[in-house]
Amino acid sequence: GYGGPCPPPGDGPHRYIFTVHALKVDHVDVPSGATAAVVGYTLHAN
C-alpha cells in the first residue's frame, strides 16, 4: 500500500516521483507479497 513521505527533519525537500507505467502485458506475474524492487524489475521489462 501507499506509504507517504517522511524525510528526515532539516534534510531539505525530497523529490517524490509519481509515475504511471503503460504495460504491454495484462498481468504482472510476481509472487504475492513481492517487494517493490522485484515488481519494479518486471515493470521495466514490460
ModelCIF file with pLDDT and N, C-alpha, C, O atoms, coordinates in Angstrom:
data_MODEL
#
_entry.id   MODEL 
#
_entity.id                         1 
_entity.type                       polymer 
_entity.pdbx_number_of_molecules   1 
#
_entity_poly.entity_id                      1 
_entity_poly.type                           'polypeptide(L)' 
_entity_poly.nstd_linkage                   no 
_entity_poly.nstd_monomer                   no 
_entity_poly.pdbx_seq_one_letter_code       GYGGPCPPPGDGPHRYIFTVHALKVDHVDVPSGATAAVVGYTLHAN 
_entity_poly.pdbx_seq_one_letter_code_can   GYGGPCPPPGDGPHRYIFTVHALKVDHVDVPSGATAAVVGYTLHAN 
_entity_poly.pdbx_strand_id                 A 
#
loop_
_entity_poly_seq.entity_id 
_entity_poly_seq.num 
_entity_poly_seq.mon_id 
_entity_poly_seq.hetero 
1 1  GLY n 
1 2  TYR n 
1 3  GLY n 
1 4  GLY n 
1 5  PRO n 
1 6  CYS n 
1 7  PRO n 
1 8  PRO n 
1 9  PRO n 
1 10 GLY n 
1 11 ASP n 
1 12 GLY n 
1 13 PRO n 
1 14 HIS n 
1 15 ARG n 
1 16 TYR n 
1 17 ILE n 
1 18 PHE n 
1 19 THR n 
1 20 VAL n 
1 21 HIS n 
1 22 ALA n 
1 23 LEU n 
1 24 LYS n 
1 25 VAL n 
1 26 ASP n 
1 27 HIS n 
1 28 VAL n 
1 29 ASP n 
1 30 VAL n 
1 31 PRO n 
1 32 SER n 
1 33 GLY n 
1 34 ALA n 
1 35 THR n 
1 36 ALA n 
1 37 ALA n 
1 38 VAL n 
1 39 VAL n 
1 40 GLY n 
1 41 TYR n 
1 42 THR n 
1 43 LEU n 
1 44 HIS n 
1 45 ALA n 
1 46 ASN n 
#
_struct_asym.id          A 
_struct_asym.entity_id   1 
#
loop_
_ma_qa_metric.id 
_ma_qa_metric.mode 
_ma_qa_metric.name 
_ma_qa_metric.software_group_id 
_ma_qa_metric.type 
1 global pLDDT . pLDDT 
2 local  pLDDT . pLDDT 
#
_ma_qa_metric_global.metric_id      1 
_ma_qa_metric_global.metric_value   94.72 
_ma_qa_metric_global.model_id       1 
_ma_qa_metric_global.ordinal_id     1 
#
loop_
_ma_qa_metric_local.label_asym_id 
_ma_qa_metric_local.label_comp_id 
_ma_qa_metric_local.label_seq_id 
_ma_qa_metric_local.metric_id 
_ma_qa_metric_local.metric_value 
_ma_qa_metric_local.model_id 
_ma_qa_metric_local.ordinal_id 
A GLY 1  2 95.00 1 1  
A TYR 2  2 97.00 1 2  
A GLY 3  2 97.00 1 3  
A GLY 4  2 97.00 1 4  
A PRO 5  2 98.00 1 5  
A CYS 6  2 97.00 1 6  
A PRO 7  2 96.00 1 7  
A PRO 8  2 95.00 1 8  
A PRO 9  2 95.00 1 9  
A GLY 10 2 92.00 1 10 
A ASP 11 2 92.00 1 11 
A GLY 12 2 88.00 1 12 
A PRO 13 2 95.00 1 13 
A HIS 14 2 96.00 1 14 
A ARG 15 2 96.00 1 15 
A TYR 16 2 97.00 1 16 
A ILE 17 2 96.00 1 17 
A PHE 18 2 97.00 1 18 
A THR 19 2 97.00 1 19 
A VAL 20 2 97.00 1 20 
A HIS 21 2 97.00 1 21 
A ALA 22 2 97.00 1 22 
A LEU 23 2 97.00 1 23 
A LYS 24 2 97.00 1 24 
A VAL 25 2 98.00 1 25 
A ASP 26 2 96.00 1 26 
A HIS 27 2 95.00 1 27 
A VAL 28 2 96.00 1 28 
A ASP 29 2 93.00 1 29 
A VAL 30 2 95.00 1 30 
A PRO 31 2 92.00 1 31 
A SER 32 2 86.00 1 32 
A GLY 33 2 84.00 1 33 
A ALA 34 2 92.00 1 34 
A THR 35 2 94.00 1 35 
A ALA 36 2 94.00 1 36 
A ALA 37 2 93.00 1 37 
A VAL 38 2 95.00 1 38 
A VAL 39 2 96.00 1 39 
A GLY 40 2 94.00 1 40 
A TYR 41 2 93.00 1 41 
A THR 42 2 95.00 1 42 
A LEU 43 2 95.00 1 43 
A HIS 44 2 93.00 1 44 
A ALA 45 2 94.00 1 45 
A ASN 46 2 96.00 1 46 
#
loop_
_atom_site.group_PDB 
_atom_site.id 
_atom_site.type_symbol 
_atom_site.label_atom_id 
_atom_site.label_alt_id 
_atom_site.label_comp_id 
_atom_site.label_asym_id 
_atom_site.label_entity_id 
_atom_site.label_seq_id 
_atom_site.pdbx_PDB_ins_code 
_atom_site.Cartn_x 
_atom_site.Cartn_y 
_atom_site.Cartn_z 
_atom_site.occupancy 
_atom_site.B_iso_or_equiv 
_atom_site.pdbx_formal_charge 
_atom_site.auth_seq_id 
_atom_site.auth_comp_id 
_atom_site.auth_asym_id 
_atom_site.auth_atom_id 
_atom_site.pdbx_PDB_model_num 
ATOM 1   N N  . GLY A 1 1  ? 0.810  -1.208  0.000   1.00 95.00 ? 1  GLY A N  1 
ATOM 2   C CA . GLY A 1 1  ? 0.000  0.000   0.000   1.00 95.00 ? 1  GLY A CA 1 
ATOM 3   C C  . GLY A 1 1  ? 0.844  1.259   0.000   1.00 95.00 ? 1  GLY A C  1 
ATOM 4   O O  . GLY A 1 1  ? 2.071  1.216   0.087   1.00 95.00 ? 1  GLY A O  1 
ATOM 5   N N  . TYR A 1 2  ? 0.149  2.380   -0.100  1.00 97.00 ? 2  TYR A N  1 
ATOM 6   C CA . TYR A 1 2  ? 0.807  3.679   -0.129  1.00 97.00 ? 2  TYR A CA 1 
ATOM 7   C C  . TYR A 1 2  ? 1.407  4.014   1.229   1.00 97.00 ? 2  TYR A C  1 
ATOM 8   O O  . TYR A 1 2  ? 0.753  3.867   2.262   1.00 97.00 ? 2  TYR A O  1 
ATOM 9   N N  . GLY A 1 3  ? 2.674  4.469   1.216   1.00 97.00 ? 3  GLY A N  1 
ATOM 10  C CA . GLY A 1 3  ? 3.333  4.982   2.413   1.00 97.00 ? 3  GLY A CA 1 
ATOM 11  C C  . GLY A 1 3  ? 3.862  6.368   2.102   1.00 97.00 ? 3  GLY A C  1 
ATOM 12  O O  . GLY A 1 3  ? 4.749  6.512   1.260   1.00 97.00 ? 3  GLY A O  1 
ATOM 13  N N  . GLY A 1 4  ? 3.347  7.373   2.750   1.00 97.00 ? 4  GLY A N  1 
ATOM 14  C CA . GLY A 1 4  ? 3.660  8.751   2.405   1.00 97.00 ? 4  GLY A CA 1 
ATOM 15  C C  . GLY A 1 4  ? 5.073  9.189   2.731   1.00 97.00 ? 4  GLY A C  1 
ATOM 16  O O  . GLY A 1 4  ? 5.840  8.437   3.332   1.00 97.00 ? 4  GLY A O  1 
ATOM 17  N N  . PRO A 1 5  ? 5.421  10.418  2.332   1.00 98.00 ? 5  PRO A N  1 
ATOM 18  C CA . PRO A 1 5  ? 6.760  10.941  2.593   1.00 98.00 ? 5  PRO A CA 1 
ATOM 19  C C  . PRO A 1 5  ? 7.010  11.159  4.081   1.00 98.00 ? 5  PRO A C  1 
ATOM 20  O O  . PRO A 1 5  ? 6.108  11.520  4.836   1.00 98.00 ? 5  PRO A O  1 
ATOM 21  N N  . CYS A 1 6  ? 8.236  10.933  4.472   1.00 97.00 ? 6  CYS A N  1 
ATOM 22  C CA . CYS A 1 6  ? 8.662  11.183  5.853   1.00 97.00 ? 6  CYS A CA 1 
ATOM 23  C C  . CYS A 1 6  ? 10.165 11.442  5.844   1.00 97.00 ? 6  CYS A C  1 
ATOM 24  O O  . CYS A 1 6  ? 10.926 10.680  6.441   1.00 97.00 ? 6  CYS A O  1 
ATOM 25  N N  . PRO A 1 7  ? 10.603 12.510  5.172   1.00 96.00 ? 7  PRO A N  1 
ATOM 26  C CA . PRO A 1 7  ? 12.044 12.777  5.086   1.00 96.00 ? 7  PRO A CA 1 
ATOM 27  C C  . PRO A 1 7  ? 12.599 13.207  6.438   1.00 96.00 ? 7  PRO A C  1 
ATOM 28  O O  . PRO A 1 7  ? 11.853 13.734  7.263   1.00 96.00 ? 7  PRO A O  1 
ATOM 29  N N  . PRO A 1 8  ? 13.896 12.995  6.685   1.00 95.00 ? 8  PRO A N  1 
ATOM 30  C CA . PRO A 1 8  ? 14.486 13.438  7.942   1.00 95.00 ? 8  PRO A CA 1 
ATOM 31  C C  . PRO A 1 8  ? 14.304 14.945  8.134   1.00 95.00 ? 8  PRO A C  1 
ATOM 32  O O  . PRO A 1 8  ? 14.466 15.700  7.175   1.00 95.00 ? 8  PRO A O  1 
ATOM 33  N N  . PRO A 1 9  ? 13.971 15.405  9.342   1.00 95.00 ? 9  PRO A N  1 
ATOM 34  C CA . PRO A 1 9  ? 13.803 16.832  9.572   1.00 95.00 ? 9  PRO A CA 1 
ATOM 35  C C  . PRO A 1 9  ? 15.071 17.606  9.201   1.00 95.00 ? 9  PRO A C  1 
ATOM 36  O O  . PRO A 1 9  ? 16.180 17.226  9.576   1.00 95.00 ? 9  PRO A O  1 
ATOM 37  N N  . GLY A 1 10 ? 14.881 18.699  8.457   1.00 92.00 ? 10 GLY A N  1 
ATOM 38  C CA . GLY A 1 10 ? 16.007 19.536  8.091   1.00 92.00 ? 10 GLY A CA 1 
ATOM 39  C C  . GLY A 1 10 ? 16.824 19.019  6.932   1.00 92.00 ? 10 GLY A C  1 
ATOM 40  O O  . GLY A 1 10 ? 17.861 19.598  6.608   1.00 92.00 ? 10 GLY A O  1 
ATOM 41  N N  . ASP A 1 11 ? 16.386 17.937  6.290   1.00 92.00 ? 11 ASP A N  1 
ATOM 42  C CA . ASP A 1 11 ? 17.166 17.327  5.208   1.00 92.00 ? 11 ASP A CA 1 
ATOM 43  C C  . ASP A 1 11 ? 16.948 18.025  3.873   1.00 92.00 ? 11 ASP A C  1 
ATOM 44  O O  . ASP A 1 11 ? 17.562 17.664  2.869   1.00 92.00 ? 11 ASP A O  1 
ATOM 45  N N  . GLY A 1 12 ? 16.076 19.021  3.862   1.00 88.00 ? 12 GLY A N  1 
ATOM 46  C CA . GLY A 1 12 ? 15.775 19.688  2.602   1.00 88.00 ? 12 GLY A CA 1 
ATOM 47  C C  . GLY A 1 12 ? 14.687 18.948  1.863   1.00 88.00 ? 12 GLY A C  1 
ATOM 48  O O  . GLY A 1 12 ? 14.391 17.799  2.189   1.00 88.00 ? 12 GLY A O  1 
ATOM 49  N N  . PRO A 1 13 ? 14.079 19.588  0.865   1.00 95.00 ? 13 PRO A N  1 
ATOM 50  C CA . PRO A 1 13 ? 12.993 18.937  0.131   1.00 95.00 ? 13 PRO A CA 1 
ATOM 51  C C  . PRO A 1 13 ? 13.462 17.677  -0.600  1.00 95.00 ? 13 PRO A C  1 
ATOM 52  O O  . PRO A 1 13 ? 14.447 17.705  -1.338  1.00 95.00 ? 13 PRO A O  1 
ATOM 53  N N  . HIS A 1 14 ? 12.751 16.587  -0.385  1.00 96.00 ? 14 HIS A N  1 
ATOM 54  C CA . HIS A 1 14 ? 12.994 15.366  -1.150  1.00 96.00 ? 14 HIS A CA 1 
ATOM 55  C C  . HIS A 1 14 ? 12.070 15.378  -2.366  1.00 96.00 ? 14 HIS A C  1 
ATOM 56  O O  . HIS A 1 14 ? 11.008 16.001  -2.349  1.00 96.00 ? 14 HIS A O  1 
ATOM 57  N N  . ARG A 1 15 ? 12.493 14.678  -3.426  1.00 96.00 ? 15 ARG A N  1 
ATOM 58  C CA . ARG A 1 15 ? 11.681 14.539  -4.634  1.00 96.00 ? 15 ARG A CA 1 
ATOM 59  C C  . ARG A 1 15 ? 10.900 13.225  -4.569  1.00 96.00 ? 15 ARG A C  1 
ATOM 60  O O  . ARG A 1 15 ? 11.451 12.168  -4.262  1.00 96.00 ? 15 ARG A O  1 
ATOM 61  N N  . TYR A 1 16 ? 9.611  13.320  -4.866  1.00 97.00 ? 16 TYR A N  1 
ATOM 62  C CA . TYR A 1 16 ? 8.757  12.132  -4.898  1.00 97.00 ? 16 TYR A CA 1 
ATOM 63  C C  . TYR A 1 16 ? 8.241  12.009  -6.321  1.00 97.00 ? 16 TYR A C  1 
ATOM 64  O O  . TYR A 1 16 ? 7.416  12.806  -6.768  1.00 97.00 ? 16 TYR A O  1 
ATOM 65  N N  . ILE A 1 17 ? 8.739  10.992  -7.033  1.00 96.00 ? 17 ILE A N  1 
ATOM 66  C CA . ILE A 1 17 ? 8.447  10.831  -8.450  1.00 96.00 ? 17 ILE A CA 1 
ATOM 67  C C  . ILE A 1 17 ? 7.241  9.900   -8.609  1.00 96.00 ? 17 ILE A C  1 
ATOM 68  O O  . ILE A 1 17 ? 7.332  8.699   -8.357  1.00 96.00 ? 17 ILE A O  1 
ATOM 69  N N  . PHE A 1 18 ? 6.123  10.473  -9.028  1.00 97.00 ? 18 PHE A N  1 
ATOM 70  C CA . PHE A 1 18 ? 4.902  9.713   -9.297  1.00 97.00 ? 18 PHE A CA 1 
ATOM 71  C C  . PHE A 1 18 ? 4.932  9.309   -10.769 1.00 97.00 ? 18 PHE A C  1 
ATOM 72  O O  . PHE A 1 18 ? 5.108  10.156  -11.644 1.00 97.00 ? 18 PHE A O  1 
ATOM 73  N N  . THR A 1 19 ? 4.761  8.024   -11.039 1.00 97.00 ? 19 THR A N  1 
ATOM 74  C CA . THR A 1 19 ? 4.850  7.524   -12.407 1.00 97.00 ? 19 THR A CA 1 
ATOM 75  C C  . THR A 1 19 ? 3.732  6.527   -12.689 1.00 97.00 ? 19 THR A C  1 
ATOM 76  O O  . THR A 1 19 ? 3.444  5.652   -11.873 1.00 97.00 ? 19 THR A O  1 
ATOM 77  N N  . VAL A 1 20 ? 3.113  6.671   -13.846 1.00 97.00 ? 20 VAL A N  1 
ATOM 78  C CA . VAL A 1 20 ? 2.201  5.636   -14.335 1.00 97.00 ? 20 VAL A CA 1 
ATOM 79  C C  . VAL A 1 20 ? 2.907  4.944   -15.498 1.00 97.00 ? 20 VAL A C  1 
ATOM 80  O O  . VAL A 1 20 ? 3.445  5.592   -16.396 1.00 97.00 ? 20 VAL A O  1 
ATOM 81  N N  . HIS A 1 21 ? 2.891  3.620   -15.459 1.00 97.00 ? 21 HIS A N  1 
ATOM 82  C CA . HIS A 1 21 ? 3.540  2.789   -16.472 1.00 97.00 ? 21 HIS A CA 1 
ATOM 83  C C  . HIS A 1 21 ? 2.475  2.147   -17.340 1.00 97.00 ? 21 HIS A C  1 
ATOM 84  O O  . HIS A 1 21 ? 1.581  1.472   -16.830 1.00 97.00 ? 21 HIS A O  1 
ATOM 85  N N  . ALA A 1 22 ? 2.559  2.349   -18.636 1.00 97.00 ? 22 ALA A N  1 
ATOM 86  C CA . ALA A 1 22 ? 1.691  1.646   -19.582 1.00 97.00 ? 22 ALA A CA 1 
ATOM 87  C C  . ALA A 1 22 ? 2.400  0.353   -19.967 1.00 97.00 ? 22 ALA A C  1 
ATOM 88  O O  . ALA A 1 22 ? 3.505  0.381   -20.509 1.00 97.00 ? 22 ALA A O  1 
ATOM 89  N N  . LEU A 1 23 ? 1.767  -0.766  -19.686 1.00 97.00 ? 23 LEU A N  1 
ATOM 90  C CA . LEU A 1 23 ? 2.416  -2.069  -19.859 1.00 97.00 ? 23 LEU A CA 1 
ATOM 91  C C  . LEU A 1 23 ? 1.865  -2.844  -21.051 1.00 97.00 ? 23 LEU A C  1 
ATOM 92  O O  . LEU A 1 23 ? 0.704  -2.689  -21.429 1.00 97.00 ? 23 LEU A O  1 
ATOM 93  N N  . LYS A 1 24 ? 2.707  -3.669  -21.625 1.00 97.00 ? 24 LYS A N  1 
ATOM 94  C CA . LYS A 1 24 ? 2.312  -4.499  -22.768 1.00 97.00 ? 24 LYS A CA 1 
ATOM 95  C C  . LYS A 1 24 ? 1.737  -5.837  -22.339 1.00 97.00 ? 24 LYS A C  1 
ATOM 96  O O  . LYS A 1 24 ? 1.420  -6.673  -23.185 1.00 97.00 ? 24 LYS A O  1 
ATOM 97  N N  . VAL A 1 25 ? 1.598  -6.052  -21.037 1.00 98.00 ? 25 VAL A N  1 
ATOM 98  C CA . VAL A 1 25 ? 1.006  -7.293  -20.504 1.00 98.00 ? 25 VAL A CA 1 
ATOM 99  C C  . VAL A 1 25 ? -0.195 -6.918  -19.643 1.00 98.00 ? 25 VAL A C  1 
ATOM 100 O O  . VAL A 1 25 ? -0.227 -5.838  -19.054 1.00 98.00 ? 25 VAL A O  1 
ATOM 101 N N  . ASP A 1 26 ? -1.174 -7.802  -19.570 1.00 96.00 ? 26 ASP A N  1 
ATOM 102 C CA . ASP A 1 26 ? -2.361 -7.505  -18.760 1.00 96.00 ? 26 ASP A CA 1 
ATOM 103 C C  . ASP A 1 26 ? -2.206 -7.953  -17.317 1.00 96.00 ? 26 ASP A C  1 
ATOM 104 O O  . ASP A 1 26 ? -3.053 -7.665  -16.471 1.00 96.00 ? 26 ASP A O  1 
ATOM 105 N N  . HIS A 1 27 ? -1.106 -8.666  -17.041 1.00 95.00 ? 27 HIS A N  1 
ATOM 106 C CA . HIS A 1 27 ? -0.905 -9.176  -15.690 1.00 95.00 ? 27 HIS A CA 1 
ATOM 107 C C  . HIS A 1 27 ? 0.595  -9.265  -15.412 1.00 95.00 ? 27 HIS A C  1 
ATOM 108 O O  . HIS A 1 27 ? 1.341  -9.871  -16.181 1.00 95.00 ? 27 HIS A O  1 
ATOM 109 N N  . VAL A 1 28 ? 1.025  -8.664  -14.321 1.00 96.00 ? 28 VAL A N  1 
ATOM 110 C CA . VAL A 1 28 ? 2.430  -8.750  -13.908 1.00 96.00 ? 28 VAL A CA 1 
ATOM 111 C C  . VAL A 1 28 ? 2.576  -9.991  -13.039 1.00 96.00 ? 28 VAL A C  1 
ATOM 112 O O  . VAL A 1 28 ? 1.979  -10.082 -11.966 1.00 96.00 ? 28 VAL A O  1 
ATOM 113 N N  . ASP A 1 29 ? 3.358  -10.925 -13.500 1.00 93.00 ? 29 ASP A N  1 
ATOM 114 C CA . ASP A 1 29 ? 3.466  -12.221 -12.838 1.00 93.00 ? 29 ASP A CA 1 
ATOM 115 C C  . ASP A 1 29 ? 4.565  -12.192 -11.783 1.00 93.00 ? 29 ASP A C  1 
ATOM 116 O O  . ASP A 1 29 ? 5.723  -12.507 -12.058 1.00 93.00 ? 29 ASP A O  1 
ATOM 117 N N  . VAL A 1 30 ? 4.174  -11.805 -10.566 1.00 95.00 ? 30 VAL A N  1 
ATOM 118 C CA . VAL A 1 30 ? 5.103  -11.806 -9.428  1.00 95.00 ? 30 VAL A CA 1 
ATOM 119 C C  . VAL A 1 30 ? 4.400  -12.463 -8.251  1.00 95.00 ? 30 VAL A C  1 
ATOM 120 O O  . VAL A 1 30 ? 3.170  -12.471 -8.198  1.00 95.00 ? 30 VAL A O  1 
ATOM 121 N N  . PRO A 1 31 ? 5.159  -13.018 -7.302  1.00 92.00 ? 31 PRO A N  1 
ATOM 122 C CA . PRO A 1 31 ? 4.535  -13.665 -6.145  1.00 92.00 ? 31 PRO A CA 1 
ATOM 123 C C  . PRO A 1 31 ? 3.788  -12.664 -5.274  1.00 92.00 ? 31 PRO A C  1 
ATOM 124 O O  . PRO A 1 31 ? 4.141  -11.485 -5.236  1.00 92.00 ? 31 PRO A O  1 
ATOM 125 N N  . SER A 1 32 ? 2.780  -13.120 -4.589  1.00 86.00 ? 32 SER A N  1 
ATOM 126 C CA . SER A 1 32 ? 2.079  -12.274 -3.629  1.00 86.00 ? 32 SER A CA 1 
ATOM 127 C C  . SER A 1 32 ? 3.062  -11.805 -2.553  1.00 86.00 ? 32 SER A C  1 
ATOM 128 O O  . SER A 1 32 ? 3.845  -12.602 -2.035  1.00 86.00 ? 32 SER A O  1 
ATOM 129 N N  . GLY A 1 33 ? 3.021  -10.538 -2.226  1.00 84.00 ? 33 GLY A N  1 
ATOM 130 C CA . GLY A 1 33 ? 3.942  -10.001 -1.226  1.00 84.00 ? 33 GLY A CA 1 
ATOM 131 C C  . GLY A 1 33 ? 5.295  -9.633  -1.784  1.00 84.00 ? 33 GLY A C  1 
ATOM 132 O O  . GLY A 1 33 ? 6.217  -9.348  -1.020  1.00 84.00 ? 33 GLY A O  1 
ATOM 133 N N  . ALA A 1 34 ? 5.440  -9.633  -3.110  1.00 92.00 ? 34 ALA A N  1 
ATOM 134 C CA . ALA A 1 34 ? 6.724  -9.281  -3.725  1.00 92.00 ? 34 ALA A CA 1 
ATOM 135 C C  . ALA A 1 34 ? 7.143  -7.873  -3.321  1.00 92.00 ? 34 ALA A C  1 
ATOM 136 O O  . ALA A 1 34 ? 6.307  -7.000  -3.090  1.00 92.00 ? 34 ALA A O  1 
ATOM 137 N N  . THR A 1 35 ? 8.438  -7.677  -3.242  1.00 94.00 ? 35 THR A N  1 
ATOM 138 C CA . THR A 1 35 ? 8.955  -6.361  -2.882  1.00 94.00 ? 35 THR A CA 1 
ATOM 139 C C  . THR A 1 35 ? 8.816  -5.395  -4.050  1.00 94.00 ? 35 THR A C  1 
ATOM 140 O O  . THR A 1 35 ? 8.590  -5.801  -5.190  1.00 94.00 ? 35 THR A O  1 
ATOM 141 N N  . ALA A 1 36 ? 8.956  -4.105  -3.742  1.00 94.00 ? 36 ALA A N  1 
ATOM 142 C CA . ALA A 1 36 ? 8.859  -3.079  -4.776  1.00 94.00 ? 36 ALA A CA 1 
ATOM 143 C C  . ALA A 1 36 ? 9.935  -3.260  -5.835  1.00 94.00 ? 36 ALA A C  1 
ATOM 144 O O  . ALA A 1 36 ? 9.679  -3.049  -7.021  1.00 94.00 ? 36 ALA A O  1 
ATOM 145 N N  . ALA A 1 37 ? 11.133 -3.649  -5.421  1.00 93.00 ? 37 ALA A N  1 
ATOM 146 C CA . ALA A 1 37 ? 12.221 -3.816  -6.377  1.00 93.00 ? 37 ALA A CA 1 
ATOM 147 C C  . ALA A 1 37 ? 11.945 -4.948  -7.351  1.00 93.00 ? 37 ALA A C  1 
ATOM 148 O O  . ALA A 1 37 ? 12.251 -4.834  -8.538  1.00 93.00 ? 37 ALA A O  1 
ATOM 149 N N  . VAL A 1 38 ? 11.371 -6.043  -6.862  1.00 95.00 ? 38 VAL A N  1 
ATOM 150 C CA . VAL A 1 38 ? 11.046 -7.177  -7.737  1.00 95.00 ? 38 VAL A CA 1 
ATOM 151 C C  . VAL A 1 38 ? 9.972  -6.768  -8.747  1.00 95.00 ? 38 VAL A C  1 
ATOM 152 O O  . VAL A 1 38 ? 10.087 -7.051  -9.939  1.00 95.00 ? 38 VAL A O  1 
ATOM 153 N N  . VAL A 1 39 ? 8.936  -6.104  -8.256  1.00 96.00 ? 39 VAL A N  1 
ATOM 154 C CA . VAL A 1 39 ? 7.888  -5.642  -9.164  1.00 96.00 ? 39 VAL A CA 1 
ATOM 155 C C  . VAL A 1 39 ? 8.452  -4.613  -10.136 1.00 96.00 ? 39 VAL A C  1 
ATOM 156 O O  . VAL A 1 39 ? 8.145  -4.649  -11.328 1.00 96.00 ? 39 VAL A O  1 
ATOM 157 N N  . GLY A 1 40 ? 9.282  -3.690  -9.627  1.00 94.00 ? 40 GLY A N  1 
ATOM 158 C CA . GLY A 1 40 ? 9.876  -2.679  -10.487 1.00 94.00 ? 40 GLY A CA 1 
ATOM 159 C C  . GLY A 1 40 ? 10.697 -3.274  -11.608 1.00 94.00 ? 40 GLY A C  1 
ATOM 160 O O  . GLY A 1 40 ? 10.669 -2.771  -12.732 1.00 94.00 ? 40 GLY A O  1 
ATOM 161 N N  . TYR A 1 41 ? 11.421 -4.327  -11.323 1.00 93.00 ? 41 TYR A N  1 
ATOM 162 C CA . TYR A 1 41 ? 12.210 -5.020  -12.349 1.00 93.00 ? 41 TYR A CA 1 
ATOM 163 C C  . TYR A 1 41 ? 11.303 -5.560  -13.447 1.00 93.00 ? 41 TYR A C  1 
ATOM 164 O O  . TYR A 1 41 ? 11.603 -5.436  -14.634 1.00 93.00 ? 41 TYR A O  1 
ATOM 165 N N  . THR A 1 42 ? 10.193 -6.161  -13.034 1.00 95.00 ? 42 THR A N  1 
ATOM 166 C CA . THR A 1 42 ? 9.254  -6.719  -14.001 1.00 95.00 ? 42 THR A CA 1 
ATOM 167 C C  . THR A 1 42 ? 8.560  -5.622  -14.799 1.00 95.00 ? 42 THR A C  1 
ATOM 168 O O  . THR A 1 42 ? 8.320  -5.778  -15.996 1.00 95.00 ? 42 THR A O  1 
ATOM 169 N N  . LEU A 1 43 ? 8.236  -4.513  -14.139 1.00 95.00 ? 43 LEU A N  1 
ATOM 170 C CA . LEU A 1 43 ? 7.625  -3.391  -14.848 1.00 95.00 ? 43 LEU A CA 1 
ATOM 171 C C  . LEU A 1 43 ? 8.558  -2.879  -15.933 1.00 95.00 ? 43 LEU A C  1 
ATOM 172 O O  . LEU A 1 43 ? 8.140  -2.636  -17.065 1.00 95.00 ? 43 LEU A O  1 
ATOM 173 N N  . HIS A 1 44 ? 9.821  -2.717  -15.577 1.00 93.00 ? 44 HIS A N  1 
ATOM 174 C CA . HIS A 1 44 ? 10.793 -2.193  -16.535 1.00 93.00 ? 44 HIS A CA 1 
ATOM 175 C C  . HIS A 1 44 ? 10.848 -3.066  -17.786 1.00 93.00 ? 44 HIS A C  1 
ATOM 176 O O  . HIS A 1 44 ? 11.003 -2.552  -18.894 1.00 93.00 ? 44 HIS A O  1 
ATOM 177 N N  . ALA A 1 45 ? 10.724 -4.359  -17.618 1.00 94.00 ? 45 ALA A N  1 
ATOM 178 C CA . ALA A 1 45 ? 10.815 -5.277  -18.755 1.00 94.00 ? 45 ALA A CA 1 
ATOM 179 C C  . ALA A 1 45 ? 9.571  -5.260  -19.627 1.00 94.00 ? 45 ALA A C  1 
ATOM 180 O O  . ALA A 1 45 ? 9.597  -5.759  -20.752 1.00 94.00 ? 45 ALA A O  1 
ATOM 181 N N  . ASN A 1 46 ? 8.474  -4.688  -19.118 1.00 96.00 ? 46 ASN A N  1 
ATOM 182 C CA . ASN A 1 46 ? 7.211  -4.741  -19.850 1.00 96.00 ? 46 ASN A CA 1 
ATOM 183 C C  . ASN A 1 46 ? 6.583  -3.372  -20.116 1.00 96.00 ? 46 ASN A C  1 
ATOM 184 O O  . ASN A 1 46 ? 5.517  -3.289  -20.726 1.00 96.00 ? 46 ASN A O  1 
#
